Amino acid sequence: VDDIAQAIADVLGGSVVVVGPDARPLSRSGATPPADGFPDERTLADAMARSHSLGRSVTCGPCTVATVAADQQLLGALLISGAGELDATDGVILERGVLVTALLLLFRSSLAQAEERVRGELLTDLLTQRHGDYFAVRERARRLGTDLDEPHVVAVTVCDAVPAERVASAAGAWAKARRGLAGRHEGRMVLLVPGDDASAVARDVAAELRTALARPVTVGAGGPLSGTDAPEAYAEALRCLGALQALGRGGSAAAMTDLGFLGLVLGRHADAPGFVDRVLGPLIAYDERRGTSLLHTVESYFEHGQSLARTSADLHVHVNTVTQRLDRVGQVLGEAWNTPQRALETHLALQLRRVLAD
């Protein structure tokens, strides 16, 4: 691509920029940019769409834009400036340049897809432990530049507003640059990258994908563990991601250490369902037997800062009714259920129950 851009720039006597389908530069050759500068990405993307629709080059500010495509697939564009008005001969040269660039970009795309598939297959084998021989899988990883003997972090990402292919491309490029792996697993984008700080990796992944996709992403991370212990780190990352979504923290990034008491209980060695059952089990059983809603009352009570007035407004009942229900809660859970220490456990159990239900 660099060579073709240079050849076109030499013949036309201008500046040539090759951009990808996202309007970001892949190569730059020739003279300096025009005095007015190159068009911004949005303007250039609109020009690329017009060029693709018309099947010819179009003018975009001080530049000429010629779309590069293959079988209706948009691969990018040539952006020419400083070459003056193009005559018929220049037009033929530009057409040939577009054709060769299309072949090169298509070939590069095929290579990238093949490598992405290989990396994704290795990641799936690690996450499902289908790799069999440890030495064989370590050698497969080494050929891809990944050292499974190093500590690794697993990050699971969600970005519903962007096509899966774009998320996979951005995540794959980021992971590869850091000697890691990326691929789709169980309908989610998963990354396995070297690191000894899961929280830092989660924030880095979120920041990179937010920039690349121009959309917020939610990232849960697990680890660090050795690369061959990926299933354990993956399970932890899933629990962390689920907690973020259940708590209404979509668009944020975290590891278990960022979730406070929730992280302690949801961590890889914790028994979250057992904790919920110990704290709330009697109340859940009481509601099931009597057809009452004491658990819902307690949830509203904590959500509204333990204010009787706001709880009654939320539940659309009289304050005295709330008081009576909380008295009954004390009979079921013990009178100390609302003391500072027990209240913390109760509130945590309520949040855990919500996370586990989701």
Protein backbone atom coordinates (compact mmCIF):
# COMPACT_ATOMS: atom_id res chain seq x y z
CA VAL A 1 0.00 0.00 0.00
CA ASP A 2 2.86 2.39 0.80
CA ASP A 3 4.49 1.68 -2.57
CA ILE A 4 1.28 2.23 -4.53
CA ALA A 5 0.59 5.49 -2.71
CA GLN A 6 4.13 6.68 -3.48
CA ALA A 7 3.83 5.70 -7.17
CA ILE A 8 0.52 7.58 -7.61
CA ALA A 9 1.93 10.61 -5.79
CA ASP A 10 5.02 10.63 -8.05
CA VAL A 11 2.96 10.50 -11.25
CA LEU A 12 0.24 12.96 -10.25
CA GLY A 13 2.62 15.28 -8.45
CA GLY A 14 0.54 15.58 -5.33
CA SER A 15 -0.05 14.03 -1.93
CA VAL A 16 -1.75 10.65 -1.56
CA VAL A 17 -3.29 9.23 1.59
CA VAL A 18 -4.73 5.71 1.70
CA VAL A 19 -7.49 5.41 4.32
CA GLY A 20 -9.35 2.37 5.58
CA PRO A 21 -13.14 1.89 5.60
CA ASP A 22 -13.31 3.85 8.88
CA ALA A 23 -11.68 6.85 7.11
CA ARG A 24 -8.51 6.52 9.21
CA PRO A 25 -5.13 6.76 7.40
CA LEU A 26 -3.33 3.56 6.44
CA SER A 27 -0.54 5.22 4.46
CA ARG A 28 0.62 8.71 3.56
CA SER A 29 2.96 9.61 0.72
CA GLY A 30 4.02 12.54 -1.46
CA ALA A 31 3.82 16.25 -0.70
CA THR A 32 2.60 18.01 2.42
CA PRO A 33 -1.15 18.24 3.18
CA PRO A 34 -3.14 21.09 1.59
CA ALA A 35 -3.21 24.46 3.32
CA ASP A 36 -6.77 23.83 4.45
CA GLY A 37 -5.77 20.44 5.83
CA PHE A 38 -7.29 17.07 5.12
CA PRO A 39 -11.05 16.62 5.70
CA ASP A 40 -12.13 15.35 9.09
CA GLU A 41 -13.18 11.71 9.39
CA ARG A 42 -16.92 12.38 9.23
CA THR A 43 -16.65 14.57 6.12
CA LEU A 44 -14.32 12.08 4.49
CA ALA A 45 -16.65 9.18 5.34
CA ASP A 46 -19.54 11.04 3.63
CA ALA A 47 -17.37 11.60 0.54
CA MET A 48 -16.36 7.93 0.51
CA ALA A 49 -20.03 6.93 0.62
CA ARG A 50 -20.79 9.23 -2.35
CA SER A 51 -17.81 7.91 -4.33
CA HIS A 52 -18.82 4.32 -3.59
CA SER A 53 -22.42 4.98 -4.63
CA LEU A 54 -21.47 6.80 -7.86
CA GLY A 55 -18.64 4.44 -8.80
CA ARG A 56 -16.18 7.31 -9.46
CA SER A 57 -14.00 9.82 -7.65
CA VAL A 58 -15.58 12.88 -6.02
CA THR A 59 -14.34 16.21 -4.72
CA CYS A 60 -14.08 16.72 -0.98
CA GLY A 61 -12.80 20.19 -0.09
CA PRO A 62 -9.30 20.59 -1.55
CA CYS A 63 -9.02 16.85 -2.18
CA THR A 64 -10.19 14.17 -4.59
CA VAL A 65 -11.59 10.99 -3.05
CA ALA A 66 -11.63 7.68 -4.94
CA THR A 67 -13.24 4.74 -3.15
CA VAL A 68 -11.41 1.42 -3.03
CA ALA A 69 -13.82 -1.52 -3.13
CA ALA A 70 -14.01 -5.17 -4.12
CA ASP A 71 -17.29 -6.93 -4.88
CA GLN A 72 -19.24 -4.04 -3.29
CA GLN A 73 -17.16 -4.37 -0.10
CA LEU A 74 -15.78 -0.99 0.94
CA LEU A 75 -12.07 -1.41 1.70
CA GLY A 76 -11.00 2.23 1.93
CA ALA A 77 -10.21 5.15 -0.34
CA LEU A 78 -7.44 7.16 -1.98
CA LEU A 79 -7.31 10.80 -0.89
CA ILE A 80 -5.38 12.97 -3.39
CA SER A 81 -4.48 16.60 -2.84
CA GLY A 82 -2.15 19.12 -4.46
CA ALA A 83 -2.31 17.43 -7.86
CA GLY A 84 -4.47 20.10 -9.54
CA GLU A 85 -7.27 19.17 -11.91
CA LEU A 86 -6.95 15.58 -13.10
CA ASP A 87 -7.06 15.07 -16.89
CA ALA A 88 -8.09 11.89 -18.70
CA THR A 89 -4.63 10.30 -18.40
CA ASP A 90 -4.53 11.11 -14.71
CA GLY A 91 -7.96 9.53 -14.37
CA VAL A 92 -6.73 6.27 -15.92
CA ILE A 93 -3.71 6.25 -13.60
CA LEU A 94 -6.00 6.83 -10.64
CA GLU A 95 -8.31 3.98 -11.72
CA ARG A 96 -5.35 1.60 -12.01
CA GLY A 97 -4.08 2.75 -8.64
CA VAL A 98 -7.50 2.12 -7.09
CA LEU A 99 -7.59 -1.39 -8.58
CA VAL A 100 -4.15 -2.37 -7.33
CA THR A 101 -4.85 -0.84 -3.91
CA ALA A 102 -8.08 -2.84 -3.73
CA LEU A 103 -6.19 -6.07 -4.43
CA LEU A 104 -3.58 -5.25 -1.78
CA LEU A 105 -6.15 -4.29 0.86
CA LEU A 106 -8.25 -7.37 0.07
CA PHE A 107 -5.17 -9.58 0.45
CA ARG A 108 -4.21 -7.89 3.70
CA SER A 109 -7.79 -8.26 4.97
CA SER A 110 -7.73 -11.98 4.14
CA LEU A 111 -4.46 -12.43 6.01
CA ALA A 112 -5.82 -10.52 9.02
CA GLN A 113 -9.00 -12.62 9.05
CA ALA A 114 -6.97 -15.85 8.87
CA GLU A 115 -4.74 -14.76 11.76
CA GLU A 116 -7.78 -13.59 13.74
CA ARG A 117 -9.38 -17.01 13.21
CA VAL A 118 -6.23 -18.81 14.41
CA ARG A 119 -5.99 -16.60 17.49
CA GLY A 120 -9.68 -17.03 18.20
CA GLU A 121 -9.44 -20.82 17.94
CA LEU A 122 -6.52 -20.90 20.38
CA LEU A 123 -8.41 -18.66 22.81
CA THR A 124 -11.48 -20.92 22.61
CA ASP A 125 -9.31 -23.98 23.28
CA LEU A 126 -7.83 -22.27 26.34
CA LEU A 127 -11.20 -21.13 27.69
CA THR A 128 -12.76 -24.58 27.26
CA GLN A 129 -9.58 -26.53 28.11
CA ARG A 130 -9.86 -28.51 24.88
CA HIS A 131 -6.17 -28.06 24.17
CA GLY A 132 -5.08 -31.41 25.60
CA ASP A 133 -1.28 -31.35 25.66
CA TYR A 134 -0.04 -28.33 27.62
CA PHE A 135 3.30 -28.24 25.78
CA ALA A 136 1.54 -28.27 22.40
CA VAL A 137 -0.77 -25.39 23.29
CA ARG A 138 2.11 -23.41 24.75
CA GLU A 139 3.97 -23.85 21.44
CA ARG A 140 0.90 -22.73 19.47
CA ALA A 141 0.71 -19.62 21.62
CA ARG A 142 4.44 -18.95 21.28
CA ARG A 143 4.12 -18.91 17.47
CA LEU A 144 1.53 -16.16 17.87
CA GLY A 145 3.78 -14.18 20.21
CA THR A 146 1.96 -15.13 23.43
CA ASP A 147 3.78 -16.58 26.46
CA LEU A 148 1.28 -18.60 28.49
CA ASP A 149 3.74 -18.93 31.36
CA GLU A 150 3.32 -15.22 32.14
CA PRO A 151 0.45 -13.95 34.32
CA HIS A 152 -2.57 -13.16 32.16
CA VAL A 153 -5.84 -11.31 32.60
CA VAL A 154 -9.11 -12.22 30.89
CA ALA A 155 -11.38 -9.33 29.92
CA VAL A 156 -14.96 -9.75 28.68
CA THR A 157 -16.51 -6.81 26.82
CA VAL A 158 -20.02 -5.78 25.81
CA CYS A 159 -20.84 -3.04 23.29
CA ASP A 160 -24.34 -3.61 21.94
CA ALA A 161 -24.43 -0.41 19.88
CA VAL A 162 -21.63 -1.52 17.50
CA PRO A 163 -21.56 -4.44 15.01
CA ALA A 164 -19.68 -7.46 16.36
CA GLU A 165 -17.21 -7.36 13.45
CA ARG A 166 -16.03 -3.87 14.36
CA VAL A 167 -15.66 -4.78 18.02
CA ALA A 168 -13.71 -7.91 17.08
CA SER A 169 -11.40 -5.96 14.79
CA ALA A 170 -10.61 -3.28 17.38
CA ALA A 171 -10.21 -5.77 20.25
CA GLY A 172 -8.09 -8.11 18.13
CA ALA A 173 -5.69 -5.34 17.11
CA TRP A 174 -5.29 -4.17 20.71
CA ALA A 175 -4.71 -7.68 22.05
CA LYS A 176 -2.22 -8.56 19.32
CA ALA A 177 -0.19 -5.41 20.01
CA ARG A 178 0.13 -6.59 23.62
CA ARG A 179 1.06 -10.19 22.77
CA GLY A 180 -2.38 -11.45 23.71
CA LEU A 181 -5.38 -13.16 22.14
CA ALA A 182 -8.91 -12.06 21.33
CA GLY A 183 -12.02 -13.68 19.92
CA ARG A 184 -15.73 -14.26 20.36
CA HIS A 185 -16.75 -16.90 22.89
CA GLU A 186 -20.30 -17.70 23.96
CA GLY A 187 -21.52 -14.61 22.13
CA ARG A 188 -19.13 -12.21 23.89
CA MET A 189 -15.86 -10.55 22.96
CA VAL A 190 -13.10 -12.00 25.13
CA LEU A 191 -9.46 -10.91 25.45
CA LEU A 192 -6.56 -12.76 27.10
CA VAL A 193 -3.61 -10.42 27.61
CA PRO A 194 -0.45 -10.44 29.74
CA GLY A 195 -0.76 -8.48 32.96
CA ASP A 196 -0.69 -8.71 36.73
CA ASP A 197 -3.38 -6.06 37.42
CA ALA A 198 -6.87 -7.01 36.25
CA SER A 199 -8.28 -3.61 37.13
CA ALA A 200 -5.71 -1.77 35.00
CA VAL A 201 -6.29 -4.11 32.06
CA ALA A 202 -10.05 -3.58 32.28
CA ARG A 203 -9.61 0.20 32.19
CA ASP A 204 -7.12 0.00 29.30
CA VAL A 205 -9.43 -2.21 27.23
CA ALA A 206 -12.39 0.09 27.88
CA ALA A 207 -10.43 3.22 26.97
CA GLU A 208 -9.05 1.70 23.76
CA LEU A 209 -12.37 0.34 22.53
CA ARG A 210 -14.23 3.51 23.51
CA THR A 211 -11.82 5.48 21.34
CA ALA A 212 -11.84 3.01 18.44
CA LEU A 213 -15.61 2.50 18.39
CA ALA A 214 -16.74 5.94 19.55
CA ARG A 215 -19.13 4.17 21.90
CA PRO A 216 -18.98 3.28 25.61
CA VAL A 217 -18.18 -0.35 26.39
CA THR A 218 -18.61 -2.40 29.55
CA VAL A 219 -15.60 -4.49 30.59
CA GLY A 220 -15.28 -7.07 33.34
CA ALA A 221 -11.85 -8.58 34.06
CA GLY A 222 -10.59 -11.63 35.92
CA GLY A 223 -7.15 -12.76 37.02
CA PRO A 224 -4.25 -12.57 37.00
CA LEU A 225 -3.64 -16.26 36.41
CA SER A 226 -1.41 -18.28 34.12
CA GLY A 227 -2.68 -18.52 30.56
CA THR A 228 -3.60 -22.19 30.99
CA ASP A 229 -5.90 -21.25 33.90
CA ALA A 230 -7.99 -19.12 31.55
CA PRO A 231 -11.35 -20.81 32.40
CA GLU A 232 -11.11 -19.68 36.03
CA ALA A 233 -10.19 -16.13 35.07
CA TYR A 234 -12.95 -16.12 32.42
CA ALA A 235 -15.56 -17.18 34.99
CA GLU A 236 -14.43 -14.40 37.31
CA ALA A 237 -14.56 -11.84 34.48
CA LEU A 238 -18.10 -12.94 33.63
CA ARG A 239 -19.21 -12.52 37.25
CA CYS A 240 -17.66 -9.06 37.33
CA LEU A 241 -19.34 -8.06 34.05
CA GLY A 242 -22.67 -9.37 35.32
CA ALA A 243 -22.28 -7.37 38.51
CA LEU A 244 -21.62 -4.15 36.58
CA GLN A 245 -24.70 -4.69 34.43
CA ALA A 246 -26.93 -5.67 37.35
CA LEU A 247 -25.85 -2.62 39.35
CA GLY A 248 -26.58 -0.25 36.47
CA ARG A 249 -22.92 0.50 35.78
CA GLY A 250 -22.96 -0.18 32.05
CA GLY A 251 -20.20 1.64 30.17
CA SER A 252 -17.70 1.19 33.01
CA ALA A 253 -14.77 -1.18 33.54
CA ALA A 254 -13.80 -3.10 36.65
CA ALA A 255 -12.18 -6.14 38.20
CA MET A 256 -13.32 -7.82 41.40
CA THR A 257 -11.05 -5.56 43.45
CA ASP A 258 -13.08 -2.56 42.22
CA LEU A 259 -16.40 -3.92 43.51
CA GLY A 260 -15.71 -3.54 47.25
CA PHE A 261 -17.55 -6.08 49.39
CA LEU A 262 -19.23 -7.44 46.26
CA GLY A 263 -15.80 -8.34 44.90
CA LEU A 264 -14.88 -10.17 48.08
CA VAL A 265 -18.03 -12.26 47.91
CA LEU A 266 -18.05 -12.79 44.12
CA GLY A 267 -14.31 -13.58 43.93
CA ARG A 268 -13.07 -16.86 42.56
CA HIS A 269 -13.02 -18.63 45.95
CA ALA A 270 -16.22 -17.16 47.40
CA ASP A 271 -19.65 -18.75 47.90
CA ALA A 272 -22.03 -15.94 46.94
CA PRO A 273 -25.24 -18.03 46.81
CA GLY A 274 -24.44 -19.45 50.24
CA PHE A 275 -23.94 -15.95 51.66
CA VAL A 276 -27.29 -14.77 50.24
CA ASP A 277 -29.04 -17.82 51.65
CA ARG A 278 -27.53 -17.33 55.10
CA VAL A 279 -28.53 -13.66 55.30
CA LEU A 280 -31.84 -13.55 53.40
CA GLY A 281 -32.94 -17.18 53.28
CA PRO A 282 -35.42 -16.97 56.20
CA LEU A 283 -37.04 -13.85 54.73
CA ILE A 284 -37.33 -15.37 51.25
CA ALA A 285 -38.89 -18.51 52.72
CA TYR A 286 -41.34 -16.45 54.80
CA ASP A 287 -42.52 -14.52 51.72
CA GLU A 288 -42.96 -17.75 49.77
CA ARG A 289 -45.01 -19.36 52.54
CA ARG A 290 -47.20 -16.35 53.38
CA GLY A 291 -47.41 -14.65 49.98
CA THR A 292 -46.01 -11.43 51.50
CA SER A 293 -43.47 -8.97 50.08
CA LEU A 294 -41.21 -8.28 53.03
CA LEU A 295 -38.07 -8.74 50.89
CA HIS A 296 -39.26 -6.09 48.43
CA THR A 297 -39.94 -3.75 51.35
CA VAL A 298 -36.40 -4.23 52.66
CA GLU A 299 -34.97 -3.60 49.17
CA SER A 300 -36.87 -0.33 48.87
CA TYR A 301 -35.88 0.62 52.43
CA PHE A 302 -32.15 0.37 51.63
CA GLU A 303 -32.48 1.90 48.17
CA HIS A 304 -34.02 5.00 49.76
CA GLY A 305 -31.39 5.49 52.43
CA GLN A 306 -33.38 3.73 55.18
CA SER A 307 -35.91 6.56 55.10
CA LEU A 308 -39.40 5.49 56.16
CA ALA A 309 -41.03 8.41 54.35
CA ARG A 310 -39.31 7.79 51.01
CA THR A 311 -39.88 4.04 51.31
CA SER A 312 -43.59 4.53 51.91
CA ALA A 313 -43.78 6.85 48.88
CA ASP A 314 -41.98 4.30 46.71
CA LEU A 315 -44.25 1.45 47.83
CA HIS A 316 -47.40 3.62 47.80
CA VAL A 317 -48.32 2.63 51.35
CA HIS A 318 -48.64 4.51 54.65
CA VAL A 319 -45.54 5.04 56.80
CA ASN A 320 -47.16 2.98 59.55
CA THR A 321 -47.48 0.06 57.12
CA VAL A 322 -43.76 0.26 56.35
CA THR A 323 -42.99 0.29 60.07
CA GLN A 324 -45.17 -2.76 60.65
CA ARG A 325 -43.49 -4.64 57.80
CA LEU A 326 -40.00 -3.82 59.09
CA ASP A 327 -41.04 -4.99 62.56
CA ARG A 328 -42.08 -8.28 61.00
CA VAL A 329 -38.70 -8.44 59.22
CA GLY A 330 -37.06 -8.12 62.63
CA GLN A 331 -39.11 -11.06 63.88
CA VAL A 332 -37.95 -13.19 60.95
CA LEU A 333 -34.27 -12.15 60.69
CA GLY A 334 -33.69 -11.16 64.32
CA GLU A 335 -34.00 -7.78 65.99
CA ALA A 336 -30.38 -6.90 65.19
CA TRP A 337 -30.93 -7.09 61.40
CA ASN A 338 -30.90 -3.28 61.08
CA THR A 339 -27.87 -2.53 63.28
CA PRO A 340 -24.92 -1.01 61.36
CA GLN A 341 -22.94 -4.27 61.06
CA ARG A 342 -25.92 -6.44 60.14
CA ALA A 343 -27.37 -3.77 57.86
CA LEU A 344 -24.18 -3.86 55.77
CA GLU A 345 -24.50 -7.64 55.38
CA THR A 346 -28.19 -7.34 54.50
CA HIS A 347 -27.60 -4.63 51.92
CA LEU A 348 -24.75 -6.62 50.38
CA ALA A 349 -26.87 -9.77 50.25
CA LEU A 350 -29.65 -7.85 48.48
CA GLN A 351 -27.22 -6.61 45.81
CA LEU A 352 -25.70 -10.08 45.41
CA ARG A 353 -29.13 -11.61 44.97
CA ARG A 354 -29.87 -9.13 42.21
CA VAL A 355 -26.54 -9.87 40.50
CA LEU A 356 -26.98 -13.65 40.75
CA ALA A 357 -30.53 -13.42 39.42
CA ASP A 358 -29.30 -11.57 36.32
